[in-house]
Protein backbone atom coordinates (compact mmCIF):
# COMPACT_ATOMS: atom_id res chain seq x y z
CA MET A 1 0.66 23.05 -11.13
CA GLU A 2 -0.14 21.82 -7.63
CA GLU A 3 2.50 19.66 -5.95
CA ASN A 4 1.80 16.29 -4.41
CA ARG A 5 1.07 16.68 -0.71
CA THR A 6 1.87 13.04 0.09
CA ARG A 7 5.64 12.77 0.17
CA PRO A 8 8.20 10.68 2.01
CA THR A 9 8.88 11.91 5.54
CA ARG A 10 11.59 11.24 8.12
CA VAL A 11 9.11 9.66 10.55
CA SER A 12 10.00 6.10 11.50
CA PRO A 13 7.42 3.56 10.27
CA ALA A 14 8.24 1.42 13.34
CA ALA A 15 7.51 4.34 15.68
CA PHE A 16 4.30 5.13 13.80
CA ILE A 17 3.13 1.51 14.11
CA GLN A 18 4.11 1.33 17.81
CA ALA A 19 1.89 4.37 18.44
CA ILE A 20 -1.23 2.66 17.02
CA SER A 21 -3.48 2.19 20.04
CA HIS A 22 -5.61 -0.68 18.71
CA PRO A 23 -3.64 -3.95 19.23
CA GLN A 24 -5.20 -5.78 16.25
CA ARG A 25 -4.57 -2.86 13.90
CA ARG A 26 -0.97 -2.62 15.17
CA ALA A 27 -0.39 -6.39 14.63
CA ASP A 28 -1.94 -6.22 11.16
CA ALA A 29 0.29 -3.26 10.25
CA LEU A 30 3.38 -5.21 11.32
CA GLU A 31 2.26 -8.17 9.21
CA LEU A 32 1.61 -5.94 6.18
CA VAL A 33 5.11 -4.46 6.54
CA GLN A 34 6.56 -7.97 6.29
CA LEU A 35 4.35 -8.87 3.33
CA MET A 36 5.13 -5.71 1.34
CA ARG A 37 8.83 -5.75 2.23
CA GLY A 38 8.94 -9.34 0.98
CA VAL A 39 7.21 -8.48 -2.30
CA THR A 40 9.13 -5.27 -3.03
CA GLY A 41 12.49 -6.08 -1.46
CA VAL A 42 12.51 -2.56 0.03
CA SER A 43 12.22 -1.28 3.60
CA PRO A 44 9.22 0.89 4.48
CA ARG A 45 9.10 4.70 4.61
CA MET A 46 6.37 6.96 5.84
CA TRP A 47 4.55 8.93 3.13
CA GLY A 48 2.71 11.79 4.73
CA PRO A 49 1.45 11.28 8.27
CA THR A 50 -0.31 7.89 7.87
CA ILE A 51 0.82 5.97 4.77
CA ILE A 52 3.52 3.31 4.96
CA GLY A 53 5.08 2.96 1.51
CA PHE A 54 7.63 0.72 -0.13
CA ASP A 55 9.92 1.78 -2.98
CA GLN A 56 8.98 4.74 -5.13
CA VAL A 57 7.73 5.30 -8.67
CA HIS A 58 7.60 8.42 -10.77
CA TYR A 59 4.38 9.02 -12.71
CA VAL A 60 3.52 11.36 -15.54
CA TYR A 61 -0.14 11.75 -16.53
CA PRO A 62 -1.29 12.78 -20.02
CA THR A 63 -2.30 16.13 -18.50
CA GLY A 64 1.36 16.81 -17.69
CA ARG A 65 0.92 16.36 -13.96
CA GLU A 66 3.76 14.32 -12.52
CA GLY A 67 5.17 13.27 -9.20
CA ASP A 68 6.33 10.42 -7.04
CA MET A 69 4.34 7.85 -5.11
CA PRO A 70 5.04 4.61 -3.28
CA LEU A 71 5.20 1.46 -5.39
CA ALA A 72 3.22 -0.40 -2.72
CA ALA A 73 1.56 1.10 0.34
CA PHE A 74 -1.01 0.79 3.09
CA SER A 75 -2.51 2.90 5.84
CA PRO A 76 -3.73 1.45 9.15
CA ARG A 77 -6.67 3.79 9.61
CA LYS A 78 -9.09 3.70 12.51
CA GLN A 79 -12.01 2.33 10.44
CA SER A 80 -10.03 -0.20 8.38
CA LEU A 81 -6.73 -1.10 6.79
CA VAL A 82 -6.38 0.64 3.44
CA ILE A 83 -4.17 -1.23 1.01
CA TYR A 84 -3.28 0.71 -2.11
CA LEU A 85 -3.42 -1.75 -5.01
CA GLY A 86 -3.58 0.47 -8.08
CA PRO A 87 -3.97 -1.80 -11.14
CA ALA A 88 -4.57 -4.97 -9.09
CA ILE A 89 -7.89 -3.59 -7.83
CA GLU A 90 -9.36 -4.64 -11.21
CA ASN A 91 -8.35 -8.30 -10.71
CA THR A 92 -11.85 -9.56 -9.93
CA ALA A 93 -10.76 -13.22 -10.06
CA LEU A 94 -8.40 -12.74 -7.10
CA LEU A 95 -10.69 -10.31 -5.28
CA GLY A 96 -13.47 -12.90 -5.48
CA LYS A 97 -11.28 -15.34 -3.52
CA LEU A 98 -9.93 -12.81 -1.01
CA GLY A 99 -12.59 -12.81 1.70
CA LYS A 100 -14.39 -9.94 3.44
CA HIS A 101 -13.34 -6.60 1.94
CA LYS A 102 -14.51 -3.47 0.16
CA THR A 103 -12.90 -1.66 -2.75
CA GLY A 104 -12.57 1.92 -3.90
CA VAL A 105 -10.60 3.56 -6.70
CA GLY A 106 -7.28 1.73 -6.43
CA CYS A 107 -7.89 0.88 -2.76
CA LEU A 108 -8.72 -2.28 -0.86
CA TYR A 109 -10.42 -1.82 2.53
CA VAL A 110 -10.08 -4.63 5.08
CA ASN A 111 -11.31 -4.55 8.68
CA LYS A 112 -8.64 -7.00 9.83
CA LEU A 113 -6.25 -9.38 8.10
CA ASP A 114 -8.01 -12.36 9.66
CA ASP A 115 -10.95 -11.54 7.34
CA VAL A 116 -8.91 -12.31 4.21
CA ASP A 117 -6.84 -15.09 2.68
CA ARG A 118 -3.20 -14.02 3.16
CA LYS A 119 -1.99 -15.94 0.08
CA ILE A 120 -4.53 -14.16 -2.12
CA LEU A 121 -3.63 -10.81 -0.55
CA ARG A 122 0.05 -11.46 -1.33
CA GLN A 123 -0.86 -12.31 -4.93
CA LEU A 124 -2.81 -9.04 -5.22
CA VAL A 125 0.14 -7.04 -3.87
CA MET A 126 2.49 -8.85 -6.28
CA HIS A 127 0.11 -8.14 -9.18
CA SER A 128 -0.03 -4.49 -8.17
CA VAL A 129 3.76 -4.16 -7.90
CA ARG A 130 4.28 -5.76 -11.33
CA GLY A 131 1.66 -3.48 -12.86
CA MET A 132 3.07 -0.37 -11.24
CA ARG A 133 6.62 -1.22 -12.32
CA ARG A 134 5.43 -1.69 -15.89
CA ARG A 135 3.44 1.54 -15.84
CA HIS A 136 5.94 3.74 -14.00
CA ARG A 137 9.64 3.90 -13.35
CA ALA A 138 10.60 2.34 -10.02
CA SER A 139 13.45 4.19 -8.34
CA ARG A 140 14.44 2.19 -5.21
CA LYS A 141 15.03 5.04 -2.76
């Protein structure tokens, strides 16, 4: 069975964020670190080359595939901020109040944090963390 390619690394999230050339994207990444650290109570770690994750959960799918993934995470990509929301992505009531965004499978895409309501975003992250903790075992590493 194929192993997960996205794993925790030893790269410093602070160094990764400092290297972001776009000032708005860098500022938004710093703000998301504070938001997710506040919700999870855990310091960030890099997962792969571009994902900043908080805490860790172990998953097992019905197919037998299993692995570890961040409990909460985001990636400050060139096109947009990608916020991994998992189960919260189906919360259409909150998403309807969020502001300018796009969604994908488990992902929220935001051009900049100024486009969204920060309180609603925090609620979505909290909803995601609760759902992920219920669904998977959190292992505070």
